[in-house]
PDB file of N, CA and C in Angstrom:
ATOM      1  N   UNK A   1      15.425   6.059   8.131  1.00  0.00           N
ATOM      2  CA  UNK A   1      15.170   5.618   9.479  1.00  0.00           C
ATOM      3  C   UNK A   1      15.759   4.213   9.641  1.00  0.00           C
ATOM      4  N   UNK A   2      16.298   3.960  10.778  1.00  0.00           N
ATOM      5  CA  UNK A   2      16.893   2.679  11.071  1.00  0.00           C
ATOM      6  C   UNK A   2      15.850   1.571  10.974  1.00  0.00           C
ATOM      7  N   UNK A   3      16.258   0.417  10.508  1.00  0.00           N
ATOM      8  CA  UNK A   3      15.336  -0.720  10.319  1.00  0.00           C
ATOM      9  C   UNK A   3      14.641  -1.100  11.638  1.00  0.00           C
ATOM     10  N   UNK A   4      15.347  -1.003  12.751  1.00  0.00           N
ATOM     11  CA  UNK A   4      14.753  -1.349  14.045  1.00  0.00           C
ATOM     12  C   UNK A   4      13.603  -0.410  14.391  1.00  0.00           C
ATOM     13  N   UNK A   5      13.774   0.864  14.103  1.00  0.00           N
ATOM     14  CA  UNK A   5      12.714   1.818  14.378  1.00  0.00           C
ATOM     15  C   UNK A   5      11.521   1.603  13.455  1.00  0.00           C
ATOM     16  N   UNK A   6      11.792   1.258  12.214  1.00  0.00           N
ATOM     17  CA  UNK A   6      10.720   0.971  11.269  1.00  0.00           C
ATOM     18  C   UNK A   6       9.911  -0.230  11.742  1.00  0.00           C
ATOM     19  N   UNK A   7      10.614  -1.283  12.163  1.00  0.00           N
ATOM     20  CA  UNK A   7       9.930  -2.468  12.672  1.00  0.00           C
ATOM     21  C   UNK A   7       9.141  -2.148  13.942  1.00  0.00           C
ATOM     22  N   UNK A   8       9.751  -1.393  14.833  1.00  0.00           N
ATOM     23  CA  UNK A   8       9.069  -1.057  16.079  1.00  0.00           C
ATOM     24  C   UNK A   8       7.812  -0.251  15.812  1.00  0.00           C
ATOM     25  N   UNK A   9       7.894   0.686  14.881  1.00  0.00           N
ATOM     26  CA  UNK A   9       6.711   1.483  14.549  1.00  0.00           C
ATOM     27  C   UNK A   9       5.608   0.614  13.940  1.00  0.00           C
ATOM     28  N   UNK A  10       5.991  -0.317  13.090  1.00  0.00           N
ATOM     29  CA  UNK A  10       5.021  -1.230  12.480  1.00  0.00           C
ATOM     30  C   UNK A  10       4.304  -2.041  13.561  1.00  0.00           C
ATOM     31  N   UNK A  11       5.055  -2.644  14.473  1.00  0.00           N
ATOM     32  CA  UNK A  11       4.438  -3.475  15.499  1.00  0.00           C
ATOM     33  C   UNK A  11       3.637  -2.649  16.499  1.00  0.00           C
ATOM     34  N   UNK A  12       4.071  -1.422  16.750  1.00  0.00           N
ATOM     35  CA  UNK A  12       3.291  -0.542  17.624  1.00  0.00           C
ATOM     36  C   UNK A  12       1.932  -0.253  17.002  1.00  0.00           C
ATOM     37  N   UNK A  13       1.925   0.108  15.735  1.00  0.00           N
ATOM     38  CA  UNK A  13       0.656   0.380  15.048  1.00  0.00           C
ATOM     39  C   UNK A  13      -0.216  -0.861  14.991  1.00  0.00           C
ATOM     40  N   UNK A  14       0.404  -1.982  14.702  1.00  0.00           N
ATOM     41  CA  UNK A  14      -0.361  -3.237  14.622  1.00  0.00           C
ATOM     42  C   UNK A  14      -0.977  -3.573  15.980  1.00  0.00           C
ATOM     43  N   UNK A  15      -0.209  -3.428  17.031  1.00  0.00           N
ATOM     44  CA  UNK A  15      -0.727  -3.677  18.376  1.00  0.00           C
ATOM     45  C   UNK A  15      -1.836  -2.706  18.728  1.00  0.00           C
ATOM     46  N   UNK A  16      -1.677  -1.462  18.317  1.00  0.00           N
ATOM     47  CA  UNK A  16      -2.704  -0.465  18.599  1.00  0.00           C
ATOM     48  C   UNK A  16      -3.996  -0.784  17.852  1.00  0.00           C
ATOM     49  N   UNK A  17      -3.874  -1.288  16.622  1.00  0.00           N
ATOM     50  CA  UNK A  17      -5.076  -1.672  15.874  1.00  0.00           C
ATOM     51  C   UNK A  17      -5.825  -2.777  16.597  1.00  0.00           C
ATOM     52  N   UNK A  18      -5.081  -3.746  17.109  1.00  0.00           N
ATOM     53  CA  UNK A  18      -5.724  -4.838  17.848  1.00  0.00           C
ATOM     54  C   UNK A  18      -6.357  -4.331  19.140  1.00  0.00           C
ATOM     55  N   UNK A  19      -5.658  -3.451  19.823  1.00  0.00           N
ATOM     56  CA  UNK A  19      -6.208  -2.878  21.046  1.00  0.00           C
ATOM     57  C   UNK A  19      -7.488  -2.115  20.759  1.00  0.00           C
ATOM     58  N   UNK A  20      -7.465  -1.292  19.732  1.00  0.00           N
ATOM     59  CA  UNK A  20      -8.639  -0.498  19.393  1.00  0.00           C
ATOM     60  C   UNK A  20      -9.802  -1.391  18.984  1.00  0.00           C
ATOM     61  N   UNK A  21      -9.523  -2.425  18.194  1.00  0.00           N
ATOM     62  CA  UNK A  21     -10.588  -3.340  17.763  1.00  0.00           C
ATOM     63  C   UNK A  21     -11.197  -4.042  18.964  1.00  0.00           C
ATOM     64  N   UNK A  22     -10.358  -4.451  19.907  1.00  0.00           N
ATOM     65  CA  UNK A  22     -10.860  -5.112  21.108  1.00  0.00           C
ATOM     66  C   UNK A  22     -11.696  -4.182  21.956  1.00  0.00           C
ATOM     67  N   UNK A  23     -11.231  -2.965  22.151  1.00  0.00           N
ATOM     68  CA  UNK A  23     -12.001  -1.996  22.931  1.00  0.00           C
ATOM     69  C   UNK A  23     -13.311  -1.658  22.244  1.00  0.00           C
ATOM     70  N   UNK A  24     -13.258  -1.519  20.927  1.00  0.00           N
ATOM     71  CA  UNK A  24     -14.469  -1.223  20.165  1.00  0.00           C
ATOM     72  C   UNK A  24     -15.490  -2.338  20.341  1.00  0.00           C
ATOM     73  N   UNK A  25     -15.021  -3.572  20.276  1.00  0.00           N
ATOM     74  CA  UNK A  25     -15.921  -4.716  20.407  1.00  0.00           C
ATOM     75  C   UNK A  25     -16.491  -4.819  21.825  1.00  0.00           C
ATOM     76  N   UNK A  26     -15.655  -4.578  22.824  1.00  0.00           N
ATOM     77  CA  UNK A  26     -16.104  -4.696  24.207  1.00  0.00           C
ATOM     78  C   UNK A  26     -17.061  -3.573  24.618  1.00  0.00           C
ATOM     79  N   UNK A  27     -16.872  -2.395  24.066  1.00  0.00           N
ATOM     80  CA  UNK A  27     -17.712  -1.265  24.471  1.00  0.00           C
ATOM     81  C   UNK A  27     -18.935  -1.072  23.587  1.00  0.00           C
ATOM     82  N   UNK A  28     -19.093  -1.887  22.546  1.00  0.00           N
ATOM     83  CA  UNK A  28     -20.230  -1.735  21.632  1.00  0.00           C
ATOM     84  C   UNK A  28     -21.584  -1.824  22.342  1.00  0.00           C
ATOM     85  N   UNK A  29     -21.812  -2.819  23.211  1.00  0.00           N
ATOM     86  CA  UNK A  29     -23.112  -2.881  23.881  1.00  0.00           C
ATOM     87  C   UNK A  29     -23.382  -1.653  24.755  1.00  0.00           C
ATOM     88  N   UNK A  30     -22.358  -1.177  25.433  1.00  0.00           N
ATOM     89  CA  UNK A  30     -22.517   0.010  26.277  1.00  0.00           C
ATOM     90  C   UNK A  30     -22.853   1.233  25.437  1.00  0.00           C
ATOM     91  N   UNK A  31     -22.160   1.391  24.292  1.00  0.00           N
ATOM     92  CA  UNK A  31     -22.445   2.536  23.422  1.00  0.00           C
ATOM     93  C   UNK A  31     -23.862   2.480  22.875  1.00  0.00           C
ATOM     94  N   UNK A  32     -24.308   1.261  22.500  1.00  0.00           N
ATOM     95  CA  UNK A  32     -25.673   1.125  21.982  1.00  0.00           C
ATOM     96  C   UNK A  32     -26.699   1.523  23.033  1.00  0.00           C
ATOM     97  N   UNK A  33     -26.511   1.053  24.268  1.00  0.00           N
ATOM     98  CA  UNK A  33     -27.448   1.406  25.343  1.00  0.00           C
ATOM     99  C   UNK A  33     -27.426   2.900  25.625  1.00  0.00           C
ATOM    100  N   UNK A  34     -26.237   3.484  25.621  1.00  0.00           N
ATOM    101  CA  UNK A  34     -26.107   4.913  25.878  1.00  0.00           C
ATOM    102  C   UNK A  34     -26.791   5.727  24.786  1.00  0.00           C
ATOM    103  N   UNK A  35     -26.565   5.354  23.532  1.00  0.00           N
ATOM    104  CA  UNK A  35     -27.191   6.078  22.430  1.00  0.00           C
ATOM    105  C   UNK A  35     -28.711   5.935  22.478  1.00  0.00           C
ATOM    106  N   UNK A  36     -29.188   4.750  22.825  1.00  0.00           N
ATOM    107  CA  UNK A  36     -30.636   4.543  22.924  1.00  0.00           C
ATOM    108  C   UNK A  36     -31.210   5.377  24.071  1.00  0.00           C
ATOM    109  N   UNK A  37     -30.491   5.464  25.180  1.00  0.00           N
ATOM    110  CA  UNK A  37     -30.959   6.253  26.318  1.00  0.00           C
ATOM    111  C   UNK A  37     -30.979   7.744  25.990  1.00  0.00           C
ATOM    112  N   UNK A  38     -30.050   8.184  25.169  1.00  0.00           N
ATOM    113  CA  UNK A  38     -30.000   9.586  24.790  1.00  0.00           C
ATOM    114  C   UNK A  38     -30.970   9.916  23.657  1.00  0.00           C
ATOM    115  N   UNK A  39     -31.590   8.898  23.095  1.00  0.00           N
ATOM    116  CA  UNK A  39     -32.552   9.116  22.025  1.00  0.00           C
ATOM    117  C   UNK A  39     -31.911   9.347  20.677  1.00  0.00           C
ATOM    118  N   UNK A  40     -30.668   8.981  20.548  1.00  0.00           N
ATOM    119  CA  UNK A  40     -29.989   9.134  19.260  1.00  0.00           C
ATOM    120  C   UNK A  40     -30.138   7.855  18.456  1.00  0.00           C
ATOM    121  N   UNK A  41     -29.956   8.003  17.169  1.00  0.00           N
ATOM    122  CA  UNK A  41     -30.116   6.850  16.293  1.00  0.00           C
ATOM    123  C   UNK A  41     -29.004   5.834  16.547  1.00  0.00           C
ATOM    124  N   UNK A  42     -29.403   4.596  16.710  1.00  0.00           N
ATOM    125  CA  UNK A  42     -28.442   3.525  16.921  1.00  0.00           C
ATOM    126  C   UNK A  42     -28.210   2.853  15.581  1.00  0.00           C
ATOM    127  N   UNK A  43     -26.948   2.826  15.155  1.00  0.00           N
ATOM    128  CA  UNK A  43     -26.656   2.211  13.867  1.00  0.00           C
ATOM    129  C   UNK A  43     -26.769   0.707  13.997  1.00  0.00           C
ATOM    130  N   UNK A  44     -27.619   0.133  13.198  1.00  0.00           N
ATOM    131  CA  UNK A  44     -27.844  -1.301  13.239  1.00  0.00           C
ATOM    132  C   UNK A  44     -27.625  -1.848  11.841  1.00  0.00           C
ATOM    133  N   UNK A  45     -26.446  -2.433  11.621  1.00  0.00           N
ATOM    134  CA  UNK A  45     -26.051  -2.868  10.294  1.00  0.00           C
ATOM    135  C   UNK A  45     -26.380  -4.327  10.031  1.00  0.00           C
ATOM    136  N   UNK A  46     -27.102  -4.960  10.911  1.00  0.00           N
ATOM    137  CA  UNK A  46     -27.295  -6.392  10.780  1.00  0.00           C
ATOM    138  C   UNK A  46     -28.185  -6.746   9.600  1.00  0.00           C
ATOM    139  N   UNK A  47     -27.757  -7.750   8.879  1.00  0.00           N
ATOM    140  CA  UNK A  47     -28.496  -8.273   7.749  1.00  0.00           C
ATOM    141  C   UNK A  47     -29.254  -9.509   8.227  1.00  0.00           C
ATOM    142  N   UNK A  48     -30.170 -10.019   7.412  1.00  0.00           N
ATOM    143  CA  UNK A  48     -30.829 -11.267   7.790  1.00  0.00           C
ATOM    144  C   UNK A  48     -29.808 -12.380   7.991  1.00  0.00           C
ATOM    145  N   UNK A  49     -30.098 -13.283   8.904  1.00  0.00           N
ATOM    146  CA  UNK A  49     -29.160 -14.355   9.210  1.00  0.00           C
ATOM    147  C   UNK A  49     -28.950 -15.258   7.991  1.00  0.00           C
ATOM    148  N   UNK A  50     -27.699 -15.564   7.685  1.00  0.00           N
ATOM    149  CA  UNK A  50     -27.426 -16.449   6.555  1.00  0.00           C
ATOM    150  C   UNK A  50     -27.906 -17.870   6.853  1.00  0.00           C
ATOM    151  N   UNK A  51     -28.328 -18.576   5.816  1.00  0.00           N
ATOM    152  CA  UNK A  51     -28.907 -19.893   5.995  1.00  0.00           C
ATOM    153  C   UNK A  51     -27.924 -21.024   5.704  1.00  0.00           C
ATOM    154  N   UNK A  52     -27.234 -20.965   4.589  1.00  0.00           N
ATOM    155  CA  UNK A  52     -26.342 -22.054   4.205  1.00  0.00           C
ATOM    156  C   UNK A  52     -24.928 -21.769   4.700  1.00  0.00           C
ATOM    157  N   UNK A  53     -24.104 -22.808   4.794  1.00  0.00           N
ATOM    158  CA  UNK A  53     -22.708 -22.585   5.218  1.00  0.00           C
ATOM    159  C   UNK A  53     -21.974 -21.592   4.319  1.00  0.00           C
ATOM    160  N   UNK A  54     -22.223 -21.653   3.015  1.00  0.00           N
ATOM    161  CA  UNK A  54     -21.569 -20.728   2.097  1.00  0.00           C
ATOM    162  C   UNK A  54     -22.011 -19.296   2.374  1.00  0.00           C
ATOM    163  N   UNK A  55     -23.303 -19.081   2.620  1.00  0.00           N
ATOM    164  CA  UNK A  55     -23.803 -17.740   2.936  1.00  0.00           C
ATOM    165  C   UNK A  55     -23.183 -17.235   4.234  1.00  0.00           C
ATOM    166  N   UNK A  56     -23.013 -18.130   5.203  1.00  0.00           N
ATOM    167  CA  UNK A  56     -22.401 -17.724   6.475  1.00  0.00           C
ATOM    168  C   UNK A  56     -20.960 -17.268   6.279  1.00  0.00           C
ATOM    169  N   UNK A  57     -20.220 -17.993   5.445  1.00  0.00           N
ATOM    170  CA  UNK A  57     -18.828 -17.621   5.183  1.00  0.00           C
ATOM    171  C   UNK A  57     -18.763 -16.293   4.440  1.00  0.00           C
ATOM    172  N   UNK A  58     -19.599 -16.121   3.422  1.00  0.00           N
ATOM    173  CA  UNK A  58     -19.598 -14.865   2.668  1.00  0.00           C
ATOM    174  C   UNK A  58     -20.015 -13.691   3.554  1.00  0.00           C
ATOM    175  N   UNK A  59     -21.012 -13.918   4.395  1.00  0.00           N
ATOM    176  CA  UNK A  59     -21.471 -12.876   5.309  1.00  0.00           C
ATOM    177  C   UNK A  59     -20.355 -12.486   6.280  1.00  0.00           C
ATOM    178  N   UNK A  60     -19.682 -13.500   6.829  1.00  0.00           N
ATOM    179  CA  UNK A  60     -18.585 -13.229   7.758  1.00  0.00           C
ATOM    180  C   UNK A  60     -17.452 -12.473   7.088  1.00  0.00           C
ATOM    181  N   UNK A  61     -17.136 -12.840   5.857  1.00  0.00           N
ATOM    182  CA  UNK A  61     -16.059 -12.163   5.134  1.00  0.00           C
ATOM    183  C   UNK A  61     -16.418 -10.706   4.855  1.00  0.00           C
ATOM    184  N   UNK A  62     -17.663 -10.457   4.415  1.00  0.00           N
ATOM    185  CA  UNK A  62     -18.094  -9.072   4.159  1.00  0.00           C
ATOM    186  C   UNK A  62     -18.057  -8.247   5.441  1.00  0.00           C
ATOM    187  N   UNK A  63     -18.558  -8.833   6.504  1.00  0.00           N
ATOM    188  CA  UNK A  63     -18.614  -8.112   7.773  1.00  0.00           C
ATOM    189  C   UNK A  63     -17.210  -7.810   8.290  1.00  0.00           C
ATOM    190  N   UNK A  64     -16.301  -8.783   8.198  1.00  0.00           N
ATOM    191  CA  UNK A  64     -14.927  -8.577   8.660  1.00  0.00           C
ATOM    192  C   UNK A  64     -14.223  -7.511   7.828  1.00  0.00           C
ATOM    193  N   UNK A  65     -14.435  -7.538   6.523  1.00  0.00           N
ATOM    194  CA  UNK A  65     -13.787  -6.546   5.657  1.00  0.00           C
ATOM    195  C   UNK A  65     -14.289  -5.146   5.968  1.00  0.00           C
ATOM    196  N   UNK A  66     -15.594  -5.005   6.140  1.00  0.00           N
ATOM    197  CA  UNK A  66     -16.166  -3.695   6.444  1.00  0.00           C
ATOM    198  C   UNK A  66     -15.653  -3.181   7.780  1.00  0.00           C
ATOM    199  N   UNK A  67     -15.673  -4.052   8.762  1.00  0.00           N
ATOM    200  CA  UNK A  67     -15.242  -3.640  10.095  1.00  0.00           C
ATOM    201  C   UNK A  67     -13.762  -3.292  10.114  1.00  0.00           C
ATOM    202  N   UNK A  68     -12.942  -4.098   9.460  1.00  0.00           N
ATOM    203  CA  UNK A  68     -11.511  -3.820   9.479  1.00  0.00           C
ATOM    204  C   UNK A  68     -11.182  -2.508   8.774  1.00  0.00           C
ATOM    205  N   UNK A  69     -11.895  -2.200   7.672  1.00  0.00           N
ATOM    206  CA  UNK A  69     -11.658  -0.914   7.001  1.00  0.00           C
ATOM    207  C   UNK A  69     -12.023   0.243   7.912  1.00  0.00           C
ATOM    208  N   UNK A  70     -13.153   0.111   8.594  1.00  0.00           N
ATOM    209  CA  UNK A  70     -13.616   1.183   9.472  1.00  0.00           C
ATOM    210  C   UNK A  70     -12.638   1.382  10.632  1.00  0.00           C
ATOM    211  N   UNK A  71     -12.215   0.293  11.251  1.00  0.00           N
ATOM    212  CA  UNK A  71     -11.299   0.384  12.384  1.00  0.00           C
ATOM    213  C   UNK A  71      -9.943   0.901  11.937  1.00  0.00           C
ATOM    214  N   UNK A  72      -9.454   0.431  10.798  1.00  0.00           N
ATOM    215  CA  UNK A  72      -8.158   0.897  10.305  1.00  0.00           C
ATOM    216  C   UNK A  72      -8.186   2.395  10.025  1.00  0.00           C
ATOM    217  N   UNK A  73      -9.282   2.883   9.485  1.00  0.00           N
ATOM    218  CA  UNK A  73      -9.409   4.316   9.239  1.00  0.00           C
ATOM    219  C   UNK A  73      -9.377   5.116  10.523  1.00  0.00           C
ATOM    220  N   UNK A  74     -10.073   4.620  11.535  1.00  0.00           N
ATOM    221  CA  UNK A  74     -10.060   5.310  12.833  1.00  0.00           C
ATOM    222  C   UNK A  74      -8.661   5.316  13.436  1.00  0.00           C
ATOM    223  N   UNK A  75      -7.994   4.178  13.355  1.00  0.00           N
ATOM    224  CA  UNK A  75      -6.649   4.073  13.922  1.00  0.00           C
ATOM    225  C   UNK A  75      -5.693   4.994  13.179  1.00  0.00           C
ATOM    226  N   UNK A  76      -5.782   5.019  11.849  1.00  0.00           N
ATOM    227  CA  UNK A  76      -4.910   5.908  11.084  1.00  0.00           C
ATOM    228  C   UNK A  76      -5.090   7.359  11.486  1.00  0.00           C
ATOM    229  N   UNK A  77      -6.338   7.754  11.703  1.00  0.00           N
ATOM    230  CA  UNK A  77      -6.585   9.141  12.098  1.00  0.00           C
ATOM    231  C   UNK A  77      -6.000   9.436  13.472  1.00  0.00           C
ATOM    232  N   UNK A  78      -6.049   8.471  14.360  1.00  0.00           N
ATOM    233  CA  UNK A  78      -5.544   8.701  15.722  1.00  0.00           C
ATOM    234  C   UNK A  78      -4.035   8.587  15.840  1.00  0.00           C
ATOM    235  N   UNK A  79      -3.421   7.751  15.029  1.00  0.00           N
ATOM    236  CA  UNK A  79      -1.997   7.484  15.153  1.00  0.00           C
ATOM    237  C   UNK A  79      -1.198   8.223  14.100  1.00  0.00           C
ATOM    238  N   UNK A  80      -1.854   9.061  13.342  1.00  0.00           N
ATOM    239  CA  UNK A  80      -1.160   9.760  12.256  1.00  0.00           C
ATOM    240  C   UNK A  80       0.089  10.446  12.781  1.00  0.00           C
ATOM    241  N   UNK A  81       1.165  10.212  12.076  1.00  0.00           N
ATOM    242  CA  UNK A  81       2.458  10.746  12.470  1.00  0.00           C
ATOM    243  C   UNK A  81       2.533  12.236  12.140  1.00  0.00           C
ATOM    244  N   UNK A  82       2.916  13.072  13.107  1.00  0.00           N
ATOM    245  CA  UNK A  82       3.059  14.503  12.805  1.00  0.00           C
ATOM    246  C   UNK A  82       4.234  14.728  11.858  1.00  0.00           C
ATOM    247  N   UNK A  83       4.037  15.569  10.899  1.00  0.00           N
ATOM    248  CA  UNK A  83       5.097  15.815   9.917  1.00  0.00           C
ATOM    249  C   UNK A  83       5.651  17.192  10.029  1.00  0.00           C
TER     250      UNK A  83
END
């Protein structure tokens, strides 16, 4: 495949990941309210609030890693190239 197409595909996927992450973040409160109204279990992954600056950084890093893996998996499933 031509280098230009490879680059374009990379940036398209990267842009789509950002779009999906943004939409996921913006619609999270609505989804939680909807799930609660329907009586379904609402996933609540929150841990106790970190106390020290180091705990806050570690907590943020764990949360970002978990979220990025989850979002990347969703994006891969949606953008999977037909073979």
